Amino acid sequence: MAAREGFVGGWGGYALERLYLVASGWQARRTLRRGPARAAVPVISIGNLVVGGTGKTPCTIWCAQQLLENGVRVAVVARPVGGAVPGGAGDEVALLAERLPGARVVAAQVKSEGAVAAAQALRAKPGPSVVIVDDGFSHRALARDLDIVLVDAARPIGNGHLLPRGLLREPPTALARAQVVIATRSDRVTPERLAETLHALERLAPGALVAAARLEPKGLTDGAEVTQRGTQVVCLSGLARAGELAASARMLGLSVDADLCYPDHHRFSASEWRQAEALARRSEGGLVVSAKDAVRLTAAQRARVRVLEVAWRFMRGEDGVRGRLEAVAQGGTP
């Protein structure tokens, strides 16, 4: 689902927001009374406050790669969303497995159970091990050693309202539980606006490291049958943020002739695919998809598209985040 201002407005939205706050608070207290599950190895959560994309998967990949390069064995736990795809139980699970061949990627409907099981498997061998939980900040049923929370630099708290009136899963004060807060897409706001956002985040999370990052478009990877390699392209995507793929394409200097956007995790129908290919044939640069979209395609479809690759890049706080990852991996305090 593309990120929106809110789902339900008016008095109905206000009433449902109050109900959501009461229900989520009751659930949190119930979980605390039972006590969270604790894995046999350190657990790192990478999550957010709002629904919609903030760059969790690229950040998860970056964190896992840092740990793997330091000799730490890593398992990544993610919930399979959108059904099975050619490379895994869900598109994000498949993308993580594709980009992290040295890690154990676990698809789990219940993240606490998946994390505990993954930790037991890691403990079978000696040496430092870490479980990374994708989108785990609000999952109180699992104890974590490091909470990394991502917020959009332009709209860190969405429209300021909780679901279903707005996009917030928890009140902004929940950031006080985090040890690291990262403002993502920080290159898309002015330096003055970024400074204001970072200052506000420091007040909301006084004990946390506050960093800034961006998603840098790296280029296009061509499928085996791609013959159109010009600069005019057609974008096809099913992402949390409508228009995100086209924006990245323009940052690479490409001209977007058409931008076909569908909801997050969307499976393109035969008619949607034919429409995209028909438009792409009239465009000198062909059809462009994101890496997340690519894993949902069949082998034949993937051979005919160009995949736009992005990389996680820090603008502030990289050394601090690395240090916290290393401390947790060695069993220390982040």
C-alpha atoms as a PDB file:
ATOM      1  CA  MET A   1       0.000   0.000   0.000  1.00  0.00           C
ATOM      2  CA  ALA A   2       1.395   3.382  -0.928  1.00  0.00           C
ATOM      3  CA  ALA A   3       1.994   5.706   2.006  1.00  0.00           C
ATOM      4  CA  ARG A   4      -0.894   8.140   2.513  1.00  0.00           C
ATOM      5  CA  GLU A   5      -1.836  10.966   4.832  1.00  0.00           C
ATOM      6  CA  GLY A   6      -4.208   8.721   6.750  1.00  0.00           C
ATOM      7  CA  PHE A   7      -6.829   6.081   6.267  1.00  0.00           C
ATOM      8  CA  VAL A   8      -9.937   7.264   8.142  1.00  0.00           C
ATOM      9  CA  GLY A   9     -10.838  10.915   8.726  1.00  0.00           C
ATOM     10  CA  GLY A  10     -13.456  12.853  10.655  1.00  0.00           C
ATOM     11  CA  TRP A  11     -15.002  11.864  13.970  1.00  0.00           C
ATOM     12  CA  GLY A  12     -14.900   8.219  12.936  1.00  0.00           C
ATOM     13  CA  GLY A  13     -11.152   8.420  12.446  1.00  0.00           C
ATOM     14  CA  TYR A  14     -10.732  10.148  15.804  1.00  0.00           C
ATOM     15  CA  ALA A  15     -12.737   7.457  17.603  1.00  0.00           C
ATOM     16  CA  LEU A  16     -10.880   4.616  15.903  1.00  0.00           C
ATOM     17  CA  GLU A  17      -7.525   6.231  16.693  1.00  0.00           C
ATOM     18  CA  ARG A  18      -8.477   6.362  20.390  1.00  0.00           C
ATOM     19  CA  LEU A  19      -9.575   2.731  20.240  1.00  0.00           C
ATOM     20  CA  TYR A  20      -6.298   1.731  18.563  1.00  0.00           C
ATOM     21  CA  LEU A  21      -4.292   3.523  21.263  1.00  0.00           C
ATOM     22  CA  VAL A  22      -6.187   1.742  24.057  1.00  0.00           C
ATOM     23  CA  ALA A  23      -5.960  -1.667  22.363  1.00  0.00           C
ATOM     24  CA  SER A  24      -2.247  -1.379  21.550  1.00  0.00           C
ATOM     25  CA  GLY A  25      -1.487  -0.200  25.079  1.00  0.00           C
ATOM     26  CA  TRP A  26      -3.386  -3.169  26.526  1.00  0.00           C
ATOM     27  CA  GLN A  27      -1.495  -5.555  24.261  1.00  0.00           C
ATOM     28  CA  ALA A  28       1.862  -4.021  25.248  1.00  0.00           C
ATOM     29  CA  ARG A  29       1.062  -4.368  28.963  1.00  0.00           C
ATOM     30  CA  ARG A  30      -0.084  -7.948  28.454  1.00  0.00           C
ATOM     31  CA  THR A  31       3.172  -8.808  26.686  1.00  0.00           C
ATOM     32  CA  LEU A  32       5.243  -7.156  29.424  1.00  0.00           C
ATOM     33  CA  ARG A  33       3.433  -9.161  32.103  1.00  0.00           C
ATOM     34  CA  ARG A  34       4.236 -12.423  30.327  1.00  0.00           C
ATOM     35  CA  GLY A  35       7.783 -11.324  29.623  1.00  0.00           C
ATOM     36  CA  PRO A  36       9.402 -11.230  26.185  1.00  0.00           C
ATOM     37  CA  ALA A  37      11.026 -14.260  24.602  1.00  0.00           C
ATOM     38  CA  ARG A  38      14.811 -14.141  24.772  1.00  0.00           C
ATOM     39  CA  ALA A  39      16.989 -15.615  22.042  1.00  0.00           C
ATOM     40  CA  ALA A  40      20.246 -17.434  22.761  1.00  0.00           C
ATOM     41  CA  VAL A  41      22.282 -14.838  20.829  1.00  0.00           C
ATOM     42  CA  PRO A  42      22.104 -11.030  20.600  1.00  0.00           C
ATOM     43  CA  VAL A  43      19.105  -9.666  18.680  1.00  0.00           C
ATOM     44  CA  ILE A  44      19.048  -6.494  16.588  1.00  0.00           C
ATOM     45  CA  SER A  45      15.736  -5.046  15.417  1.00  0.00           C
ATOM     46  CA  ILE A  46      15.412  -2.723  12.443  1.00  0.00           C
ATOM     47  CA  GLY A  47      11.993  -1.109  12.449  1.00  0.00           C
ATOM     48  CA  ASN A  48       9.990   2.063  12.091  1.00  0.00           C
ATOM     49  CA  LEU A  49       7.168   4.074  13.648  1.00  0.00           C
ATOM     50  CA  VAL A  50       4.932   4.413  10.608  1.00  0.00           C
ATOM     51  CA  VAL A  51       3.452   2.101   8.028  1.00  0.00           C
ATOM     52  CA  GLY A  52       4.961   2.429   4.579  1.00  0.00           C
ATOM     53  CA  GLY A  53       8.492   2.308   3.300  1.00  0.00           C
ATOM     54  CA  THR A  54      11.388   3.897   5.177  1.00  0.00           C
ATOM     55  CA  GLY A  55      14.197   1.777   3.728  1.00  0.00           C
ATOM     56  CA  LYS A  56      14.206  -1.081   6.248  1.00  0.00           C
ATOM     57  CA  THR A  57      15.296  -3.750   3.766  1.00  0.00           C
ATOM     58  CA  PRO A  58      18.334  -1.803   2.412  1.00  0.00           C
ATOM     59  CA  CYS A  59      19.301  -0.945   6.002  1.00  0.00           C
ATOM     60  CA  THR A  60      18.943  -4.582   7.065  1.00  0.00           C
ATOM     61  CA  ILE A  61      21.170  -5.654   4.172  1.00  0.00           C
ATOM     62  CA  TRP A  62      23.804  -3.042   5.091  1.00  0.00           C
ATOM     63  CA  CYS A  63      23.840  -4.041   8.781  1.00  0.00           C
ATOM     64  CA  ALA A  64      24.081  -7.741   7.957  1.00  0.00           C
ATOM     65  CA  GLN A  65      26.922  -7.114   5.522  1.00  0.00           C
ATOM     66  CA  GLN A  66      28.897  -5.160   8.132  1.00  0.00           C
ATOM     67  CA  LEU A  67      28.559  -8.004  10.622  1.00  0.00           C
ATOM     68  CA  LEU A  68      29.393 -10.705   8.075  1.00  0.00           C
ATOM     69  CA  GLU A  69      32.525  -8.819   7.008  1.00  0.00           C
ATOM     70  CA  ASN A  70      33.647  -8.829  10.660  1.00  0.00           C
ATOM     71  CA  GLY A  71      33.312 -12.602  10.927  1.00  0.00           C
ATOM     72  CA  VAL A  72      29.943 -12.594  12.704  1.00  0.00           C
ATOM     73  CA  ARG A  73      27.435 -15.267  11.721  1.00  0.00           C
ATOM     74  CA  VAL A  74      24.065 -13.685  10.939  1.00  0.00           C
ATOM     75  CA  ALA A  75      20.481 -14.828  10.696  1.00  0.00           C
ATOM     76  CA  VAL A  76      17.811 -12.447   9.375  1.00  0.00           C
ATOM     77  CA  VAL A  77      14.196 -13.001  10.402  1.00  0.00           C
ATOM     78  CA  ALA A  78      11.429 -11.448   8.306  1.00  0.00           C
ATOM     79  CA  ARG A  79       7.723 -12.025   7.953  1.00  0.00           C
ATOM     80  CA  PRO A  80       6.733 -13.416   4.546  1.00  0.00           C
ATOM     81  CA  VAL A  81       4.396 -10.870   2.986  1.00  0.00           C
ATOM     82  CA  GLY A  82       2.501 -11.162  -0.266  1.00  0.00           C
ATOM     83  CA  GLY A  83       2.830 -14.907  -0.718  1.00  0.00           C
ATOM     84  CA  ALA A  84       5.544 -17.097  -2.203  1.00  0.00           C
ATOM     85  CA  VAL A  85       7.708 -15.796  -5.054  1.00  0.00           C
ATOM     86  CA  PRO A  86      10.264 -17.631  -7.223  1.00  0.00           C
ATOM     87  CA  GLY A  87      13.090 -16.987  -4.728  1.00  0.00           C
ATOM     88  CA  GLY A  88      11.377 -17.418  -1.368  1.00  0.00           C
ATOM     89  CA  ALA A  89       8.343 -17.222   0.900  1.00  0.00           C
ATOM     90  CA  GLY A  90       7.784 -13.508   0.180  1.00  0.00           C
ATOM     91  CA  ASP A  91       9.371 -10.752  -1.890  1.00  0.00           C
ATOM     92  CA  GLU A  92      11.355  -9.180   0.962  1.00  0.00           C
ATOM     93  CA  VAL A  93      12.472 -12.602   2.208  1.00  0.00           C
ATOM     94  CA  ALA A  94      13.598 -13.509  -1.318  1.00  0.00           C
ATOM     95  CA  LEU A  95      15.442 -10.200  -1.749  1.00  0.00           C
ATOM     96  CA  LEU A  96      17.252 -10.633   1.572  1.00  0.00           C
ATOM     97  CA  ALA A  97      18.293 -14.174   0.621  1.00  0.00           C
ATOM     98  CA  GLU A  98      19.506 -12.983  -2.793  1.00  0.00           C
ATOM     99  CA  ARG A  99      21.577 -10.117  -1.385  1.00  0.00           C
ATOM    100  CA  LEU A 100      22.884 -11.925   1.721  1.00  0.00           C
ATOM    101  CA  PRO A 101      24.167 -15.321   0.553  1.00  0.00           C
ATOM    102  CA  GLY A 102      26.359 -15.591   3.661  1.00  0.00           C
ATOM    103  CA  ALA A 103      23.447 -15.184   6.073  1.00  0.00           C
ATOM    104  CA  ARG A 104      20.673 -17.483   7.178  1.00  0.00           C
ATOM    105  CA  VAL A 105      17.345 -15.903   6.124  1.00  0.00           C
ATOM    106  CA  VAL A 106      14.315 -17.142   8.055  1.00  0.00           C
ATOM    107  CA  ALA A 107      10.694 -16.518   7.044  1.00  0.00           C
ATOM    108  CA  ALA A 108       8.532 -16.419  10.170  1.00  0.00           C
ATOM    109  CA  GLN A 109       4.919 -15.385  10.702  1.00  0.00           C
ATOM    110  CA  VAL A 110       5.706 -14.966  14.430  1.00  0.00           C
ATOM    111  CA  LYS A 111       8.987 -13.080  14.656  1.00  0.00           C
ATOM    112  CA  SER A 112       9.788 -14.029  18.247  1.00  0.00           C
ATOM    113  CA  GLU A 113       9.485 -17.720  17.415  1.00  0.00           C
ATOM    114  CA  GLY A 114      11.568 -17.299  14.261  1.00  0.00           C
ATOM    115  CA  ALA A 115      14.278 -15.407  16.153  1.00  0.00           C
ATOM    116  CA  VAL A 116      14.508 -18.002  18.938  1.00  0.00           C
ATOM    117  CA  ALA A 117      14.758 -20.848  16.408  1.00  0.00           C
ATOM    118  CA  ALA A 118      17.337 -18.987  14.301  1.00  0.00           C
ATOM    119  CA  ALA A 119      19.445 -18.274  17.392  1.00  0.00           C
ATOM    120  CA  GLN A 120      19.473 -21.962  18.332  1.00  0.00           C
ATOM    121  CA  ALA A 121      20.724 -22.849  14.853  1.00  0.00           C
ATOM    122  CA  LEU A 122      23.472 -20.223  15.061  1.00  0.00           C
ATOM    123  CA  ARG A 123      24.614 -21.507  18.458  1.00  0.00           C
ATOM    124  CA  ALA A 124      25.441 -24.860  16.870  1.00  0.00           C
ATOM    125  CA  LYS A 125      28.796 -23.369  15.819  1.00  0.00           C
ATOM    126  CA  PRO A 126      31.265 -21.398  17.962  1.00  0.00           C
ATOM    127  CA  GLY A 127      31.951 -17.702  17.499  1.00  0.00           C
ATOM    128  CA  PRO A 128      29.926 -14.485  17.587  1.00  0.00           C
ATOM    129  CA  SER A 129      26.401 -14.675  16.166  1.00  0.00           C
ATOM    130  CA  VAL A 130      23.577 -12.167  15.758  1.00  0.00           C
ATOM    131  CA  VAL A 131      19.916 -12.375  14.786  1.00  0.00           C
ATOM    132  CA  ILE A 132      18.547  -9.364  12.872  1.00  0.00           C
ATOM    133  CA  VAL A 133      14.772  -8.947  12.932  1.00  0.00           C
ATOM    134  CA  ASP A 134      13.294  -6.978  10.061  1.00  0.00           C
ATOM    135  CA  ASP A 135      10.483  -4.657  11.195  1.00  0.00           C
ATOM    136  CA  GLY A 136      10.680  -5.663  14.841  1.00  0.00           C
ATOM    137  CA  PHE A 137      10.411  -2.399  16.801  1.00  0.00           C
ATOM    138  CA  SER A 138       6.764  -2.865  17.817  1.00  0.00           C
ATOM    139  CA  HIS A 139       7.157  -6.603  18.395  1.00  0.00           C
ATOM    140  CA  ARG A 140       7.295  -6.464  22.199  1.00  0.00           C
ATOM    141  CA  ALA A 141       7.136 -10.264  22.464  1.00  0.00           C
ATOM    142  CA  LEU A 142      10.850 -10.472  21.624  1.00  0.00           C
ATOM    143  CA  ALA A 143      13.684  -9.079  23.749  1.00  0.00           C
ATOM    144  CA  ARG A 144      16.212  -7.072  21.734  1.00  0.00           C
ATOM    145  CA  ASP A 145      19.756  -5.960  22.446  1.00  0.00           C
ATOM    146  CA  LEU A 146      19.708  -3.129  19.908  1.00  0.00           C
ATOM    147  CA  ASP A 147      16.705  -1.269  18.467  1.00  0.00           C
ATOM    148  CA  ILE A 148      17.384   0.671  15.275  1.00  0.00           C
ATOM    149  CA  VAL A 149      14.425   2.789  14.171  1.00  0.00           C
ATOM    150  CA  LEU A 150      14.107   4.439  10.768  1.00  0.00           C
ATOM    151  CA  VAL A 151      12.064   7.582  10.120  1.00  0.00           C
ATOM    152  CA  ASP A 152      11.552   9.535   6.929  1.00  0.00           C
ATOM    153  CA  ALA A 153      13.455  12.826   7.142  1.00  0.00           C
ATOM    154  CA  ALA A 154      10.640  14.737   5.459  1.00  0.00           C
ATOM    155  CA  ARG A 155       7.777  13.201   7.442  1.00  0.00           C
ATOM    156  CA  PRO A 156       9.264  11.531  10.540  1.00  0.00           C
ATOM    157  CA  ILE A 157       5.883  11.030  12.240  1.00  0.00           C
ATOM    158  CA  GLY A 158       3.620  10.947   9.176  1.00  0.00           C
ATOM    159  CA  ASN A 159       0.638  13.209   9.796  1.00  0.00           C
ATOM    160  CA  GLY A 160       1.032  12.893  13.567  1.00  0.00           C
ATOM    161  CA  HIS A 161      -1.902  10.516  14.057  1.00  0.00           C
ATOM    162  CA  LEU A 162      -2.081   6.835  14.949  1.00  0.00           C
ATOM    163  CA  LEU A 163      -3.669   4.142  12.799  1.00  0.00           C
ATOM    164  CA  PRO A 164      -6.231   4.162  11.285  1.00  0.00           C
ATOM    165  CA  ARG A 165      -6.509   7.962  11.310  1.00  0.00           C
ATOM    166  CA  GLY A 166      -2.853   8.331  10.375  1.00  0.00           C
ATOM    167  CA  LEU A 167       0.262   6.298   9.676  1.00  0.00           C
ATOM    168  CA  LEU A 168       1.795   5.964  13.150  1.00  0.00           C
ATOM    169  CA  ARG A 169       1.980   2.506  14.717  1.00  0.00           C
ATOM    170  CA  GLU A 170       2.976   4.005  18.076  1.00  0.00           C
ATOM    171  CA  PRO A 171       3.161   7.523  19.539  1.00  0.00           C
ATOM    172  CA  PRO A 172       6.396   9.424  18.717  1.00  0.00           C
ATOM    173  CA  THR A 173       7.443   9.092  22.378  1.00  0.00           C
ATOM    174  CA  ALA A 174       8.077   5.388  21.667  1.00  0.00           C
ATOM    175  CA  LEU A 175      11.381   6.474  20.115  1.00  0.00           C
ATOM    176  CA  ALA A 176      12.714   6.711  23.679  1.00  0.00           C
ATOM    177  CA  ARG A 177      13.062   2.893  23.563  1.00  0.00           C
ATOM    178  CA  ALA A 178      15.482   3.048  20.612  1.00  0.00           C
ATOM    179  CA  GLN A 179      19.269   3.015  20.816  1.00  0.00           C
ATOM    180  CA  VAL A 180      19.711   4.233  17.227  1.00  0.00           C
ATOM    181  CA  VAL A 181      17.366   6.471  15.206  1.00  0.00           C
ATOM    182  CA  ILE A 182      18.146   7.050  11.532  1.00  0.00           C
ATOM    183  CA  ALA A 183      16.500   9.732   9.400  1.00  0.00           C
ATOM    184  CA  THR A 184      16.262   8.173   5.937  1.00  0.00           C
ATOM    185  CA  ARG A 185      15.976   9.920   2.549  1.00  0.00           C
ATOM    186  CA  SER A 186      17.869  12.767   4.181  1.00  0.00           C
ATOM    187  CA  ASP A 187      19.092  13.977   0.798  1.00  0.00           C
ATOM    188  CA  ARG A 188      15.537  14.918  -0.171  1.00  0.00           C
ATOM    189  CA  VAL A 189      15.142  17.730   2.350  1.00  0.00           C
ATOM    190  CA  THR A 190      17.036  20.992   2.741  1.00  0.00           C
ATOM    191  CA  PRO A 191      19.992  21.098   5.164  1.00  0.00           C
ATOM    192  CA  GLU A 192      17.958  23.394   7.410  1.00  0.00           C
ATOM    193  CA  ARG A 193      14.975  21.031   7.457  1.00  0.00           C
ATOM    194  CA  LEU A 194      17.247  18.063   8.132  1.00  0.00           C
ATOM    195  CA  ALA A 195      18.898  19.850  11.051  1.00  0.00           C
ATOM    196  CA  GLU A 196      15.463  20.600  12.567  1.00  0.00           C
ATOM    197  CA  THR A 197      14.368  16.978  12.161  1.00  0.00           C
ATOM    198  CA  LEU A 198      17.545  15.574  13.715  1.00  0.00           C
ATOM    199  CA  HIS A 199      17.222  17.977  16.656  1.00  0.00           C
ATOM    200  CA  ALA A 200      13.605  16.879  17.208  1.00  0.00           C
ATOM    201  CA  LEU A 201      14.642  13.219  17.072  1.00  0.00           C
ATOM    202  CA  GLU A 202      17.376  13.837  19.650  1.00  0.00           C
ATOM    203  CA  ARG A 203      14.742  15.241  22.013  1.00  0.00           C
ATOM    204  CA  LEU A 204      12.389  12.301  21.447  1.00  0.00           C
ATOM    205  CA  ALA A 205      15.199   9.754  21.877  1.00  0.00           C
ATOM    206  CA  PRO A 206      17.629  11.442  24.298  1.00  0.00           C
ATOM    207  CA  GLY A 207      19.743   8.329  24.874  1.00  0.00           C
ATOM    208  CA  ALA A 208      20.005   7.284  21.235  1.00  0.00           C
ATOM    209  CA  LEU A 209      22.512   7.851  18.478  1.00  0.00           C
ATOM    210  CA  VAL A 210      20.720   9.949  15.835  1.00  0.00           C
ATOM    211  CA  ALA A 211      22.048   9.411  12.308  1.00  0.00           C
ATOM    212  CA  ALA A 212      21.075  10.369   8.753  1.00  0.00           C
ATOM    213  CA  ALA A 213      21.116   8.238   5.610  1.00  0.00           C
ATOM    214  CA  ARG A 214      19.958   8.132   2.017  1.00  0.00           C
ATOM    215  CA  LEU A 215      19.239   5.552  -0.668  1.00  0.00           C
ATOM    216  CA  GLU A 216      21.677   6.104  -3.502  1.00  0.00           C
ATOM    217  CA  PRO A 217      20.697   4.862  -6.981  1.00  0.00           C
ATOM    218  CA  LYS A 218      23.675   2.894  -8.299  1.00  0.00           C
ATOM    219  CA  GLY A 219      22.603   2.039 -11.829  1.00  0.00           C
ATOM    220  CA  LEU A 220      20.684  -0.475 -13.907  1.00  0.00           C
ATOM    221  CA  THR A 221      21.302  -4.202 -14.170  1.00  0.00           C
ATOM    222  CA  ASP A 222      20.096  -5.493 -17.522  1.00  0.00           C
ATOM    223  CA  GLY A 223      18.290  -8.798 -17.975  1.00  0.00           C
ATOM    224  CA  ALA A 224      19.716 -11.325 -20.434  1.00  0.00           C
ATOM    225  CA  GLU A 225      17.262 -10.402 -23.199  1.00  0.00           C
ATOM    226  CA  VAL A 226      17.350  -6.610 -22.797  1.00  0.00           C
ATOM    227  CA  THR A 227      18.180  -4.760 -26.001  1.00  0.00           C
ATOM    228  CA  GLN A 228      16.794  -1.285 -25.182  1.00  0.00           C
ATOM    229  CA  ARG A 229      19.396   0.641 -23.210  1.00  0.00           C
ATOM    230  CA  GLY A 230      18.507   4.282 -23.842  1.00  0.00           C
ATOM    231  CA  THR A 231      17.743   6.965 -21.281  1.00  0.00           C
ATOM    232  CA  GLN A 232      13.955   7.106 -21.797  1.00  0.00           C
ATOM    233  CA  VAL A 233      12.352   4.393 -19.665  1.00  0.00           C
ATOM    234  CA  VAL A 234       9.064   3.047 -18.361  1.00  0.00           C
ATOM    235  CA  CYS A 235       8.941   2.331 -14.606  1.00  0.00           C
ATOM    236  CA  LEU A 236       6.860  -0.510 -13.196  1.00  0.00           C
ATOM    237  CA  SER A 237       6.658  -1.000  -9.426  1.00  0.00           C
ATOM    238  CA  GLY A 238       4.687  -2.339  -6.485  1.00  0.00           C
ATOM    239  CA  LEU A 239       6.277  -0.473  -3.583  1.00  0.00           C
ATOM    240  CA  ALA A 240       5.126   1.139  -0.347  1.00  0.00           C
ATOM    241  CA  ARG A 241       5.793   4.587  -1.815  1.00  0.00           C
ATOM    242  CA  ALA A 242       4.225   5.346  -5.159  1.00  0.00           C
ATOM    243  CA  GLY A 243       6.673   7.178  -7.415  1.00  0.00           C
ATOM    244  CA  GLU A 244       9.780   6.071  -5.515  1.00  0.00           C
ATOM    245  CA  LEU A 245      11.190   4.056  -8.427  1.00  0.00           C
ATOM    246  CA  ALA A 246      10.649   6.885 -10.899  1.00  0.00           C
ATOM    247  CA  ALA A 247      12.323   9.353  -8.518  1.00  0.00           C
ATOM    248  CA  SER A 248      15.380   7.098  -8.297  1.00  0.00           C
ATOM    249  CA  ALA A 249      15.436   6.719 -12.087  1.00  0.00           C
ATOM    250  CA  ARG A 250      15.459  10.485 -12.519  1.00  0.00           C
ATOM    251  CA  MET A 251      18.329  10.751 -10.042  1.00  0.00           C
ATOM    252  CA  LEU A 252      20.296   8.543 -12.466  1.00  0.00           C
ATOM    253  CA  GLY A 253      19.576  11.005 -15.259  1.00  0.00           C
ATOM    254  CA  LEU A 254      16.886   8.894 -16.903  1.00  0.00           C
ATOM    255  CA  SER A 255      13.722  10.304 -18.443  1.00  0.00           C
ATOM    256  CA  VAL A 256      10.576   8.511 -17.264  1.00  0.00           C
ATOM    257  CA  ASP A 257       8.038   8.189 -20.087  1.00  0.00           C
ATOM    258  CA  ALA A 258       5.513   6.353 -17.875  1.00  0.00           C
ATOM    259  CA  ASP A 259       5.358   5.460 -14.187  1.00  0.00           C
ATOM    260  CA  LEU A 260       3.089   2.496 -13.466  1.00  0.00           C
ATOM    261  CA  CYS A 261       2.600   2.229  -9.687  1.00  0.00           C
ATOM    262  CA  TYR A 262       0.765  -0.510  -7.817  1.00  0.00           C
ATOM    263  CA  PRO A 263       0.351  -1.296  -4.080  1.00  0.00           C
ATOM    264  CA  ASP A 264       3.193  -2.746  -2.025  1.00  0.00           C
ATOM    265  CA  HIS A 265       3.955  -6.453  -2.713  1.00  0.00           C
ATOM    266  CA  HIS A 266       1.665  -6.355  -5.768  1.00  0.00           C
ATOM    267  CA  ARG A 267       1.795  -9.239  -8.225  1.00  0.00           C
ATOM    268  CA  PHE A 268       1.479  -7.898 -11.749  1.00  0.00           C
ATOM    269  CA  SER A 269      -1.394  -9.484 -13.645  1.00  0.00           C
ATOM    270  CA  ALA A 270      -1.003 -10.676 -17.229  1.00  0.00           C
ATOM    271  CA  SER A 271      -2.839  -7.592 -18.521  1.00  0.00           C
ATOM    272  CA  GLU A 272      -0.760  -5.232 -16.369  1.00  0.00           C
ATOM    273  CA  TRP A 273       2.415  -6.872 -17.630  1.00  0.00           C
ATOM    274  CA  ARG A 274       1.275  -6.612 -21.284  1.00  0.00           C
ATOM    275  CA  GLN A 275       0.474  -2.923 -20.800  1.00  0.00           C
ATOM    276  CA  ALA A 276       3.913  -2.258 -19.293  1.00  0.00           C
ATOM    277  CA  GLU A 277       5.709  -4.100 -22.089  1.00  0.00           C
ATOM    278  CA  ALA A 278       3.666  -2.308 -24.769  1.00  0.00           C
ATOM    279  CA  LEU A 279       4.640   1.063 -23.318  1.00  0.00           C
ATOM    280  CA  ALA A 280       8.262  -0.045 -22.929  1.00  0.00           C
ATOM    281  CA  ARG A 281       8.527  -1.035 -26.591  1.00  0.00           C
ATOM    282  CA  ARG A 282       7.882   2.616 -27.500  1.00  0.00           C
ATOM    283  CA  SER A 283      10.540   3.778 -25.040  1.00  0.00           C
ATOM    284  CA  GLU A 284      14.203   3.614 -26.019  1.00  0.00           C
ATOM    285  CA  GLY A 285      15.309   2.575 -22.523  1.00  0.00           C
ATOM    286  CA  GLY A 286      12.832  -0.247 -21.989  1.00  0.00           C
ATOM    287  CA  LEU A 287      11.145  -1.425 -18.796  1.00  0.00           C
ATOM    288  CA  VAL A 288      12.667  -0.671 -15.370  1.00  0.00           C
ATOM    289  CA  VAL A 289      11.703  -2.333 -12.058  1.00  0.00           C
ATOM    290  CA  SER A 290      13.077  -2.196  -8.510  1.00  0.00           C
ATOM    291  CA  ALA A 291      15.077  -5.034  -6.964  1.00  0.00           C
ATOM    292  CA  LYS A 292      12.094  -5.874  -4.751  1.00  0.00           C
ATOM    293  CA  ASP A 293       9.813  -6.070  -7.797  1.00  0.00           C
ATOM    294  CA  ALA A 294      12.340  -8.185  -9.685  1.00  0.00           C
ATOM    295  CA  VAL A 295      12.163 -11.097  -7.242  1.00  0.00           C
ATOM    296  CA  ARG A 296       8.404 -11.363  -7.859  1.00  0.00           C
ATOM    297  CA  LEU A 297       8.913 -11.877 -11.612  1.00  0.00           C
ATOM    298  CA  THR A 298       9.229 -15.155 -13.471  1.00  0.00           C
ATOM    299  CA  ALA A 299      12.612 -15.951 -15.022  1.00  0.00           C
ATOM    300  CA  ALA A 300      11.258 -15.043 -18.467  1.00  0.00           C
ATOM    301  CA  GLN A 301       9.959 -11.695 -17.255  1.00  0.00           C
ATOM    302  CA  ARG A 302      13.130 -10.873 -15.358  1.00  0.00           C
ATOM    303  CA  ALA A 303      15.206 -11.481 -18.488  1.00  0.00           C
ATOM    304  CA  ARG A 304      13.313  -8.653 -20.231  1.00  0.00           C
ATOM    305  CA  VAL A 305      13.641  -5.907 -17.605  1.00  0.00           C
ATOM    306  CA  ARG A 306      16.290  -3.599 -16.231  1.00  0.00           C
ATOM    307  CA  VAL A 307      16.630  -3.595 -12.438  1.00  0.00           C
ATOM    308  CA  LEU A 308      17.381  -0.288 -10.727  1.00  0.00           C
ATOM    309  CA  GLU A 309      19.823  -0.932  -7.888  1.00  0.00           C
ATOM    310  CA  VAL A 310      20.077   1.295  -4.798  1.00  0.00           C
ATOM    311  CA  ALA A 311      22.650   1.345  -1.998  1.00  0.00           C
ATOM    312  CA  TRP A 312      22.342   2.424   1.632  1.00  0.00           C
ATOM    313  CA  ARG A 313      24.584   5.431   2.332  1.00  0.00           C
ATOM    314  CA  PHE A 314      25.098   7.329   5.583  1.00  0.00           C
ATOM    315  CA  MET A 315      25.263  11.105   5.647  1.00  0.00           C
ATOM    316  CA  ARG A 316      25.915  11.241   9.392  1.00  0.00           C
ATOM    317  CA  GLY A 317      26.618   8.731  12.155  1.00  0.00           C
ATOM    318  CA  GLU A 318      28.036   5.778  10.200  1.00  0.00           C
ATOM    319  CA  ASP A 319      30.938   5.130  12.566  1.00  0.00           C
ATOM    320  CA  GLY A 320      28.621   5.254  15.554  1.00  0.00           C
ATOM    321  CA  VAL A 321      26.238   2.721  14.033  1.00  0.00           C
ATOM    322  CA  ARG A 322      29.129   0.411  13.144  1.00  0.00           C
ATOM    323  CA  GLY A 323      30.389   0.646  16.700  1.00  0.00           C
ATOM    324  CA  ARG A 324      27.016  -0.302  18.148  1.00  0.00           C
ATOM    325  CA  LEU A 325      26.684  -3.261  15.795  1.00  0.00           C
ATOM    326  CA  GLU A 326      30.130  -4.522  16.780  1.00  0.00           C
ATOM    327  CA  ALA A 327      29.444  -4.040  20.512  1.00  0.00           C
ATOM    328  CA  VAL A 328      26.231  -6.058  20.333  1.00  0.00           C
ATOM    329  CA  ALA A 329      27.892  -8.817  18.301  1.00  0.00           C
ATOM    330  CA  GLN A 330      30.547  -9.178  20.998  1.00  0.00           C
ATOM    331  CA  GLY A 331      27.932  -9.298  23.747  1.00  0.00           C
ATOM    332  CA  GLY A 332      28.516  -5.752  24.962  1.00  0.00           C
ATOM    333  CA  THR A 333      26.275  -2.732  25.502  1.00  0.00           C
ATOM    334  CA  PRO A 334      25.299  -0.746  22.389  1.00  0.00           C
END
